[in-house]
N, C-alpha and C. Protein backbone atom coordinates (compact mmCIF):
# COMPACT_ATOMS: atom_id res chain seq x y z
N ALA A 1 93.92 80.68 102.18
CA ALA A 1 92.95 80.67 101.10
C ALA A 1 92.54 82.10 100.77
N ASP A 2 92.20 82.31 99.54
CA ASP A 2 91.80 83.63 99.09
C ASP A 2 90.35 83.89 99.51
N LEU A 3 90.16 84.87 100.42
CA LEU A 3 88.83 85.17 100.91
C LEU A 3 87.90 85.67 99.81
N ARG A 4 88.44 86.30 98.80
CA ARG A 4 87.62 86.78 97.69
C ARG A 4 86.89 85.63 97.01
N LYS A 5 87.55 84.48 96.89
CA LYS A 5 86.94 83.33 96.23
C LYS A 5 86.00 82.59 97.17
N GLN A 6 86.30 82.60 98.48
CA GLN A 6 85.47 81.88 99.44
C GLN A 6 84.17 82.61 99.75
N ALA A 7 84.24 83.93 99.89
CA ALA A 7 83.07 84.74 100.24
C ALA A 7 82.66 85.52 99.00
N THR A 8 81.70 85.00 98.28
CA THR A 8 81.35 85.57 96.98
C THR A 8 80.21 86.57 97.04
N GLY A 9 79.84 87.04 98.21
CA GLY A 9 78.76 88.02 98.33
C GLY A 9 79.21 89.37 97.81
N ILE A 10 78.52 90.42 98.24
CA ILE A 10 78.87 91.77 97.81
C ILE A 10 80.32 92.03 98.20
N SER A 11 81.13 92.32 97.22
CA SER A 11 82.55 92.49 97.49
C SER A 11 82.98 93.93 97.28
N PHE A 12 84.14 94.23 97.80
CA PHE A 12 84.76 95.53 97.60
C PHE A 12 84.84 95.84 96.11
N GLN A 13 85.20 94.84 95.33
CA GLN A 13 85.35 95.04 93.89
C GLN A 13 84.02 95.42 93.23
N SER A 14 82.92 94.84 93.65
CA SER A 14 81.65 95.14 93.00
C SER A 14 81.22 96.58 93.22
N VAL A 15 81.63 97.18 94.32
CA VAL A 15 81.29 98.57 94.61
C VAL A 15 82.39 99.52 94.16
N PHE A 16 83.63 99.21 94.54
CA PHE A 16 84.74 100.13 94.30
C PHE A 16 85.55 99.80 93.05
N LYS A 17 85.11 98.85 92.27
CA LYS A 17 85.62 98.51 90.94
C LYS A 17 86.92 97.74 90.88
N ALA A 18 87.68 97.65 91.97
CA ALA A 18 88.93 96.90 91.94
C ALA A 18 89.47 96.76 93.35
N TYR A 19 90.35 95.79 93.53
CA TYR A 19 91.09 95.62 94.78
C TYR A 19 92.42 96.36 94.67
N SER A 20 93.17 96.37 95.75
CA SER A 20 94.45 97.09 95.76
C SER A 20 95.47 96.50 94.78
N ASP A 21 95.28 95.25 94.37
CA ASP A 21 96.24 94.67 93.43
C ASP A 21 96.02 95.16 91.98
N THR A 22 94.92 95.87 91.74
CA THR A 22 94.69 96.54 90.45
C THR A 22 94.19 97.96 90.71
N PRO A 23 95.01 98.78 91.37
CA PRO A 23 94.55 100.11 91.81
C PRO A 23 94.18 101.06 90.67
N VAL A 24 94.68 100.83 89.48
CA VAL A 24 94.37 101.71 88.37
C VAL A 24 92.87 101.75 88.08
N PHE A 25 92.15 100.69 88.42
CA PHE A 25 90.71 100.62 88.15
C PHE A 25 89.86 101.02 89.35
N SER A 26 90.44 101.13 90.52
CA SER A 26 89.69 101.37 91.74
C SER A 26 89.30 102.83 91.90
N ILE A 27 88.13 103.07 92.50
CA ILE A 27 87.75 104.43 92.85
C ILE A 27 88.22 104.77 94.26
N PHE A 28 88.69 103.77 95.02
CA PHE A 28 89.25 104.01 96.36
C PHE A 28 90.70 104.44 96.22
N LYS A 29 91.03 105.61 96.78
CA LYS A 29 92.40 106.10 96.73
C LYS A 29 93.12 105.79 98.04
N ASP A 30 92.59 106.30 99.16
CA ASP A 30 93.22 106.04 100.45
C ASP A 30 92.29 106.46 101.58
N CYS A 31 92.72 106.15 102.77
CA CYS A 31 91.98 106.48 103.98
C CYS A 31 92.99 107.02 104.99
N LYS A 32 92.68 108.17 105.58
CA LYS A 32 93.60 108.80 106.51
C LYS A 32 92.91 109.07 107.84
N VAL A 33 93.63 108.88 108.92
CA VAL A 33 93.12 109.19 110.25
C VAL A 33 93.21 110.70 110.44
N VAL A 34 92.08 111.32 110.77
CA VAL A 34 92.04 112.76 111.00
C VAL A 34 92.10 113.05 112.49
N SER A 35 91.41 112.23 113.28
CA SER A 35 91.40 112.34 114.74
C SER A 35 91.00 110.97 115.28
N PRO A 36 91.01 110.79 116.60
CA PRO A 36 90.63 109.47 117.14
C PRO A 36 89.23 109.00 116.74
N ALA A 37 88.36 109.93 116.36
CA ALA A 37 87.00 109.55 116.01
C ALA A 37 86.65 109.83 114.55
N ASP A 38 87.62 110.30 113.75
CA ASP A 38 87.32 110.69 112.38
C ASP A 38 88.35 110.14 111.39
N VAL A 39 87.85 109.73 110.24
CA VAL A 39 88.71 109.33 109.13
C VAL A 39 88.31 110.12 107.90
N GLN A 40 89.23 110.24 106.97
CA GLN A 40 88.96 110.87 105.69
C GLN A 40 89.21 109.83 104.61
N ILE A 41 88.18 109.52 103.84
CA ILE A 41 88.29 108.54 102.77
C ILE A 41 88.34 109.31 101.45
N ASN A 42 89.40 109.10 100.70
CA ASN A 42 89.59 109.79 99.42
C ASN A 42 89.33 108.82 98.28
N LEU A 43 88.63 109.31 97.27
CA LEU A 43 88.32 108.52 96.09
C LEU A 43 89.10 109.07 94.90
N THR A 44 89.30 108.23 93.89
CA THR A 44 90.02 108.67 92.70
C THR A 44 89.14 109.48 91.76
N ARG A 45 87.82 109.36 91.93
CA ARG A 45 86.87 110.12 91.11
C ARG A 45 85.54 110.18 91.86
N PRO A 46 84.66 111.09 91.51
CA PRO A 46 83.36 111.18 92.17
C PRO A 46 82.58 109.87 92.04
N PHE A 47 81.88 109.51 93.10
CA PHE A 47 81.07 108.28 93.11
C PHE A 47 79.85 108.52 93.98
N THR A 48 78.70 108.76 93.35
CA THR A 48 77.49 109.12 94.08
C THR A 48 76.98 108.00 94.99
N GLY A 49 77.34 106.76 94.74
CA GLY A 49 76.89 105.65 95.56
C GLY A 49 77.76 105.36 96.77
N PHE A 50 78.77 106.19 97.00
CA PHE A 50 79.73 105.92 98.07
C PHE A 50 79.08 105.84 99.45
N LEU A 51 78.32 106.84 99.84
CA LEU A 51 77.70 106.81 101.17
C LEU A 51 76.73 105.65 101.31
N GLN A 52 75.98 105.37 100.28
CA GLN A 52 75.06 104.23 100.32
C GLN A 52 75.84 102.92 100.48
N ALA A 53 76.96 102.78 99.79
CA ALA A 53 77.78 101.57 99.91
C ALA A 53 78.26 101.38 101.33
N LEU A 54 78.61 102.48 102.01
CA LEU A 54 79.11 102.37 103.38
C LEU A 54 78.05 101.90 104.37
N THR A 55 76.77 101.94 103.98
CA THR A 55 75.71 101.45 104.86
C THR A 55 75.57 99.93 104.81
N LEU A 56 76.22 99.29 103.83
CA LEU A 56 76.16 97.83 103.72
C LEU A 56 77.01 97.20 104.82
N PRO A 57 76.52 96.13 105.44
CA PRO A 57 77.30 95.48 106.50
C PRO A 57 78.72 95.10 106.08
N ALA A 58 78.90 94.73 104.83
CA ALA A 58 80.23 94.33 104.36
C ALA A 58 81.24 95.47 104.42
N PHE A 59 80.78 96.71 104.48
CA PHE A 59 81.67 97.86 104.48
C PHE A 59 81.70 98.59 105.81
N ALA A 60 81.22 97.96 106.85
CA ALA A 60 81.27 98.59 108.17
C ALA A 60 82.72 98.78 108.60
N ILE A 61 82.96 99.87 109.30
CA ILE A 61 84.31 100.14 109.80
C ILE A 61 84.46 99.43 111.13
N SER A 62 85.47 98.60 111.25
CA SER A 62 85.70 97.81 112.45
C SER A 62 87.09 98.07 113.01
N SER A 63 87.23 97.82 114.28
CA SER A 63 88.51 97.96 114.95
C SER A 63 89.47 96.89 114.44
N PRO A 64 90.68 97.27 114.01
CA PRO A 64 91.66 96.27 113.60
C PRO A 64 91.98 95.28 114.72
N THR A 65 91.99 95.75 115.95
CA THR A 65 92.25 94.87 117.10
C THR A 65 91.14 93.83 117.23
N ALA A 66 89.90 94.26 117.10
CA ALA A 66 88.77 93.33 117.19
C ALA A 66 88.77 92.35 116.02
N LEU A 67 89.08 92.82 114.83
CA LEU A 67 89.13 91.94 113.66
C LEU A 67 90.15 90.82 113.86
N THR A 68 91.30 91.17 114.40
CA THR A 68 92.35 90.18 114.64
C THR A 68 91.96 89.24 115.78
N ALA A 69 91.51 89.81 116.88
CA ALA A 69 91.16 89.01 118.06
C ALA A 69 90.03 88.02 117.77
N GLN A 70 89.08 88.44 116.96
CA GLN A 70 87.92 87.59 116.67
C GLN A 70 88.08 86.79 115.38
N LYS A 71 89.28 86.80 114.79
CA LYS A 71 89.60 86.01 113.59
C LYS A 71 88.61 86.26 112.45
N ALA A 72 88.44 87.53 112.11
CA ALA A 72 87.48 87.92 111.08
C ALA A 72 87.80 87.33 109.71
N ASN A 73 89.04 86.93 109.47
CA ASN A 73 89.42 86.34 108.18
C ASN A 73 89.21 84.84 108.12
N VAL A 74 88.70 84.25 109.18
CA VAL A 74 88.46 82.81 109.20
C VAL A 74 86.98 82.57 108.91
N LEU A 75 86.69 82.03 107.74
CA LEU A 75 85.31 81.77 107.35
C LEU A 75 84.89 80.41 107.90
N ASP A 76 84.46 80.43 109.15
CA ASP A 76 84.20 79.18 109.87
C ASP A 76 82.72 78.89 110.09
N THR A 77 81.85 79.62 109.43
CA THR A 77 80.42 79.38 109.55
C THR A 77 79.76 79.68 108.21
N VAL A 78 78.54 79.20 108.04
CA VAL A 78 77.79 79.43 106.81
C VAL A 78 76.41 79.95 107.20
N ARG A 79 75.98 81.00 106.53
CA ARG A 79 74.63 81.52 106.77
C ARG A 79 73.98 81.75 105.41
N ASN A 80 72.82 81.15 105.22
CA ASN A 80 72.11 81.24 103.93
C ASN A 80 73.00 80.82 102.76
N GLY A 81 73.83 79.81 102.99
CA GLY A 81 74.71 79.30 101.95
C GLY A 81 75.96 80.12 101.71
N GLN A 82 76.15 81.21 102.46
CA GLN A 82 77.28 82.11 102.28
C GLN A 82 78.32 81.89 103.36
N PRO A 83 79.55 81.52 102.99
CA PRO A 83 80.60 81.38 104.01
C PRO A 83 80.91 82.73 104.64
N MET A 84 81.09 82.73 105.95
CA MET A 84 81.45 83.97 106.65
C MET A 84 82.12 83.63 107.97
N SER A 85 82.71 84.64 108.55
CA SER A 85 83.35 84.46 109.85
C SER A 85 82.33 84.65 110.96
N ALA A 86 82.64 84.09 112.10
CA ALA A 86 81.78 84.32 113.27
C ALA A 86 81.74 85.81 113.60
N TYR A 87 82.84 86.50 113.33
CA TYR A 87 82.89 87.96 113.58
C TYR A 87 81.81 88.69 112.78
N ALA A 88 81.53 88.23 111.58
CA ALA A 88 80.53 88.87 110.74
C ALA A 88 79.14 88.78 111.38
N LEU A 89 78.93 87.80 112.23
CA LEU A 89 77.63 87.63 112.89
C LEU A 89 77.60 88.27 114.28
N HIS A 90 78.72 88.81 114.70
CA HIS A 90 78.86 89.39 116.05
C HIS A 90 78.11 90.70 116.13
């Protein structure tokens, strides 16, 4: 199932203007590993709300291993009427 349709809360698209399937509209360009504790996020144009957006729980940086192990893509619970994964409540 398409998670975008199931979880209709604050989405990547509402902040970054598009998903990867329409990159021409997105302000997100790429993300590169700089060191074990640092990443570099590149945008396609200046965006003053970028740091504020990263403070939202939906944009927290998580371990890919943890996301897979805890089935973050399985929306198996509901909180305040919003479908979400148990990982989101972890």
